[in-house]
Protein backbone atom coordinates (compact mmCIF):
# COMPACT_ATOMS: atom_id res chain seq x y z
CA MET A 1 3.43 -3.42 12.66
CA SER A 2 4.78 -4.51 9.28
CA ASP A 3 6.08 -1.94 6.87
CA GLU A 4 5.55 -1.98 3.13
CA SER A 5 8.73 0.02 2.63
CA SER A 6 10.83 -2.61 4.35
CA PRO A 7 13.69 -4.03 2.30
CA GLU A 8 11.97 -7.40 1.98
CA SER A 9 9.15 -5.77 0.01
CA GLY A 10 11.25 -3.43 -2.11
CA ARG A 11 14.80 -3.80 -3.28
CA GLY A 12 15.93 -6.73 -1.15
CA SER A 13 17.92 -7.06 2.06
CA SER A 14 21.45 -6.05 2.98
CA HIS A 15 21.99 -9.30 4.90
CA GLY A 16 24.96 -11.21 3.50
CA LEU A 17 26.44 -8.18 1.76
CA SER A 18 29.69 -6.67 2.93
CA GLY A 19 31.94 -3.77 2.13
CA ARG A 20 30.78 -0.95 -0.11
CA ARG A 21 27.77 -2.83 -1.51
CA GLY A 22 26.50 -3.71 1.94
CA HIS A 23 26.93 -0.13 3.14
CA ALA A 24 25.04 1.23 0.13
CA LYS A 25 22.25 -1.28 0.65
CA ARG A 26 21.90 -0.39 4.31
CA ASN A 27 21.76 3.28 3.37
CA ASP A 28 18.98 2.57 0.88
CA GLU A 29 16.97 0.62 3.46
CA ALA A 30 17.40 3.44 5.98
CA ILE A 31 16.34 6.03 3.40
CA LEU A 32 13.16 4.16 2.42
CA THR A 33 12.15 3.58 6.04
CA ALA A 34 12.81 7.22 6.92
CA ALA A 35 10.98 8.47 3.82
CA ARG A 36 7.91 6.50 4.70
CA ASP A 37 7.87 7.82 8.28
CA VAL A 38 8.50 11.41 7.20
CA PHE A 39 5.99 11.60 4.36
CA VAL A 40 3.16 9.78 6.16
CA HIS A 41 3.28 12.45 8.85
CA ASP A 42 4.03 15.39 6.54
CA PRO A 43 3.63 14.88 2.75
CA GLY A 44 5.07 18.34 2.16
CA ALA A 45 8.29 17.69 4.05
CA PRO A 46 11.52 18.44 2.16
CA ILE A 47 13.72 15.59 1.04
CA ALA A 48 16.43 16.85 3.40
CA ALA A 49 14.21 15.76 6.31
CA VAL A 50 14.41 12.20 5.00
CA ALA A 51 18.21 12.28 4.89
CA GLY A 52 18.30 13.64 8.43
CA ARG A 53 15.96 10.98 9.78
CA ALA A 54 17.86 8.23 7.96
CA GLY A 55 21.17 9.46 9.34
CA VAL A 56 22.76 9.73 5.90
CA GLY A 57 24.22 12.64 4.01
CA ILE A 58 22.07 14.33 1.39
CA SER A 59 24.60 13.25 -1.25
CA ALA A 60 24.03 9.59 -0.32
CA LEU A 61 20.32 10.08 -0.87
CA TYR A 62 20.79 11.70 -4.26
CA ARG A 63 23.05 8.89 -5.39
CA ARG A 64 20.02 6.61 -5.06
CA TYR A 65 17.14 8.92 -6.00
CA ALA A 66 16.99 11.85 -8.40
CA GLY A 67 14.63 13.75 -6.13
CA LYS A 68 11.54 13.61 -3.99
CA GLU A 69 9.26 12.39 -6.76
CA ASP A 70 11.58 9.49 -7.57
CA LEU A 71 11.61 8.52 -3.90
CA LEU A 72 7.82 8.67 -3.68
CA ARG A 73 7.52 6.43 -6.72
CA GLN A 74 9.76 3.84 -5.12
CA LEU A 75 7.69 3.88 -1.92
CA CYS A 76 4.50 3.38 -3.92
CA LEU A 77 6.10 0.58 -5.94
CA SER A 78 7.16 -1.17 -2.73
CA GLY A 79 3.60 -0.92 -1.42
CA LEU A 80 2.14 -2.46 -4.58
CA GLN A 81 4.72 -5.24 -4.51
CA ARG A 82 3.76 -5.97 -0.92
CA MET A 83 0.09 -6.22 -1.89
CA ILE A 84 0.94 -8.72 -4.62
CA LEU A 85 3.08 -10.72 -2.22
CA GLU A 86 0.30 -10.91 0.36
CA ALA A 87 -2.19 -12.03 -2.31
CA GLU A 88 0.20 -14.75 -3.42
CA THR A 89 0.66 -15.80 0.21
CA VAL A 90 -3.04 -16.66 0.59
CA GLU A 91 -3.37 -18.40 -2.80
CA ALA A 92 -3.08 -21.83 -1.18
CA GLU A 93 -6.06 -21.16 1.11
CA PRO A 94 -8.81 -23.47 -0.23
CA ASP A 95 -11.70 -21.29 0.94
CA GLY A 96 -12.13 -18.14 -1.13
CA TRP A 97 -13.72 -16.13 1.68
CA SER A 98 -10.91 -17.00 4.11
CA ALA A 99 -8.35 -16.09 1.46
CA LEU A 100 -9.89 -12.64 0.97
CA ALA A 101 -10.21 -12.00 4.71
CA GLY A 102 -6.63 -13.14 5.30
CA PHE A 103 -5.35 -10.92 2.50
CA LEU A 104 -7.12 -7.86 3.89
CA GLU A 105 -5.80 -8.52 7.39
CA ARG A 106 -2.23 -8.90 6.15
CA VAL A 107 -2.34 -5.77 4.00
CA VAL A 108 -3.91 -3.70 6.77
CA ASP A 109 -1.22 -4.86 9.20
CA ALA A 110 1.45 -3.98 6.63
CA ASP A 111 0.05 -0.42 6.42
CA VAL A 112 0.32 -0.55 2.64
CA HIS A 113 -2.25 2.16 1.94
CA ALA A 114 -1.00 4.84 4.35
CA LEU A 115 1.18 6.42 1.69
CA THR A 116 -1.45 6.01 -1.01
CA THR A 117 -3.90 8.14 0.92
CA ARG A 118 -1.33 10.72 2.02
CA LEU A 119 0.64 11.14 -1.19
CA ALA A 120 -2.07 10.76 -3.83
CA GLY A 121 -1.29 12.84 -6.90
CA ALA A 122 2.19 13.77 -5.66
CA PHE A 123 4.09 12.04 -8.45
CA THR A 124 3.78 10.93 -12.06
CA PRO A 125 3.74 7.11 -12.37
CA THR A 126 6.24 5.30 -14.58
CA PRO A 127 5.34 2.42 -16.94
CA GLU A 128 6.81 0.00 -14.37
CA LEU A 129 4.61 1.45 -11.66
CA ARG A 130 1.52 1.24 -13.84
CA ALA A 131 2.30 -2.36 -14.78
CA THR A 132 2.75 -3.30 -11.12
CA ALA A 133 -0.51 -1.57 -10.25
CA ALA A 134 -2.26 -3.52 -13.00
CA ARG A 135 -0.89 -6.76 -11.57
CA ALA A 136 -2.10 -5.75 -8.10
CA ASP A 137 -5.55 -5.12 -9.56
CA GLU A 138 -5.50 -8.58 -11.13
CA VAL A 139 -4.70 -10.41 -7.90
CA VAL A 140 -7.38 -8.46 -6.01
CA ALA A 141 -9.95 -9.26 -8.71
CA LEU A 142 -9.05 -12.94 -8.45
CA LEU A 143 -9.51 -12.87 -4.67
CA ILE A 144 -12.91 -11.24 -5.07
CA ALA A 145 -13.95 -13.81 -7.68
CA ARG A 146 -12.92 -16.68 -5.40
CA ALA A 147 -14.77 -15.12 -2.47
CA HIS A 148 -17.91 -14.85 -4.62
CA GLU A 149 -17.54 -18.51 -5.59
CA SER A 150 -17.43 -19.45 -1.91
CA GLY A 151 -20.92 -18.01 -1.46
CA ARG A 152 -19.81 -15.92 1.53
CA LEU A 153 -19.25 -12.58 -0.20
CA ARG A 154 -22.11 -10.23 -1.04
CA ALA A 155 -23.01 -10.47 -4.71
CA ASP A 156 -22.73 -6.70 -5.25
CA VAL A 157 -19.15 -6.31 -3.98
CA VAL A 158 -16.62 -5.45 -6.71
CA PRO A 159 -12.79 -5.44 -6.67
CA GLU A 160 -12.74 -1.64 -6.52
CA ASP A 161 -14.42 -1.82 -3.10
CA VAL A 162 -11.21 -3.32 -1.71
CA GLY A 163 -9.36 -0.06 -2.25
CA LEU A 164 -11.98 1.84 -0.27
CA ILE A 165 -11.77 -0.67 2.57
CA LEU A 166 -7.99 -0.43 2.76
CA GLU A 167 -7.98 3.36 2.58
CA GLY A 168 -10.54 3.55 5.38
CA CYS A 169 -8.41 1.35 7.61
CA ALA A 170 -5.23 3.29 6.74
CA ALA A 171 -6.88 6.52 7.84
CA ILE A 172 -7.06 5.23 11.43
CA ARG A 173 -4.04 6.40 13.43
CA ALA A 174 -3.52 6.31 17.19
CA ASP A 175 -0.64 7.46 19.39
CA ASP A 176 1.40 4.29 18.95
CA SER A 177 1.70 1.53 16.37
CA LEU A 178 0.22 -1.21 18.57
CA ARG A 179 -2.94 0.76 19.30
CA THR A 180 -3.21 1.74 15.64
CA MET A 181 -3.08 -1.91 14.63
CA GLN A 182 -5.70 -2.86 17.23
CA LEU A 183 -8.13 -0.20 16.03
CA ARG A 184 -7.55 -1.02 12.37
CA ARG A 185 -8.15 -4.72 12.98
CA ARG A 186 -11.36 -3.86 14.85
CA HIS A 187 -12.55 -1.65 12.01
CA LEU A 188 -11.66 -4.28 9.43
CA ALA A 189 -13.62 -6.91 11.37
CA LEU A 190 -16.68 -4.66 11.18
CA LEU A 191 -16.17 -4.19 7.45
CA LEU A 192 -15.74 -7.93 6.88
CA HIS A 193 -19.01 -8.49 8.68
CA GLY A 194 -20.61 -6.05 6.26
CA LEU A 195 -19.08 -7.83 3.28
CA SER A 196 -20.46 -11.17 4.36
CA ARG A 197 -23.58 -12.38 2.60
CA VAL A 198 -26.72 -12.85 4.66
CA SER A 199 -29.99 -14.55 3.82
CA GLY A 200 -33.42 -13.06 4.13
CA PRO A 201 -34.73 -9.48 4.27
CA ASP A 202 -31.52 -8.10 5.80
CA ASP A 203 -29.59 -8.82 2.60
CA ALA A 204 -30.40 -5.39 1.12
CA ALA A 205 -28.48 -4.05 -1.85
CA LEU A 206 -25.63 -1.64 -1.21
CA PRO A 207 -26.62 2.00 -1.82
CA GLY A 208 -25.46 3.73 -4.97
CA PRO A 209 -23.59 2.33 -7.96
CA ALA A 210 -20.34 0.45 -7.37
CA PRO A 211 -17.05 2.25 -8.04
CA ARG A 212 -15.93 1.91 -11.63
CA PRO A 213 -12.48 0.60 -12.66
CA GLY A 214 -10.05 3.51 -12.53
CA GLU A 215 -12.61 5.87 -11.02
CA LEU A 216 -10.66 6.28 -7.77
CA SER A 217 -7.19 6.53 -9.30
CA ARG A 218 -5.30 9.43 -7.73
CA TRP A 219 -2.14 9.28 -9.79
CA LEU A 220 -1.13 12.09 -12.06
CA ASP A 221 -1.46 11.48 -15.78
CA GLU A 222 1.77 10.54 -17.56
CA THR A 223 1.60 13.81 -19.46
CA ALA A 224 1.22 15.92 -16.33
CA SER A 225 3.98 18.32 -15.51
CA ASP A 226 6.51 17.30 -12.89
CA VAL A 227 5.72 18.19 -9.31
CA ASN A 228 8.00 20.36 -7.25
CA ASP A 229 10.71 18.15 -5.83
CA GLY A 230 10.76 20.14 -2.60
CA GLU A 231 14.01 21.24 -0.98
CA ARG A 232 17.03 19.68 -2.54
């Protein structure tokens, strides 16, 4: 399964780098991968557990990140960047419905929302993070608009519904990554069927009002006090 904390979606790759720079880059990649694995399974884990899993000294970790909150912000930023990348990847798809479906499949496979659901409210977002989130919202809104124009998407679906779909898929976890992907793809296929517009009496309106912009945001306010950085 793809990983939104992979170097390709965050700070680049160590390929082609040598010496001290290459070593530092490889350490950073190992730290991000380890952090994602550790915090998805245990959001309360100390930052020392990340260093241990990455196979680097705690000092190497602190040279890159000031603490646990800084590391969590970078993981979230990488996830948002991956979402934007996947949306841009399907831009050339001429059919709006196919573009939306392809985007959802790619993001679900990348497991972008696993950390969002597990670490919600665990850090205070930076202006860069908020700007990237706003850009992610824009590309999702564009995909929804194109899907509506295709005539295949239910008229009462809004961009905010995408977040709920992705969080629902991210909540599915099996014993291994392959089975997890299979079950998530199955669940997504069911959801896509529900998103598809039908004609006749079965095209009933969705129950309740649609989620409002910002209603489901789980980030701490910029003025909130810093969270405990955990073990240092």
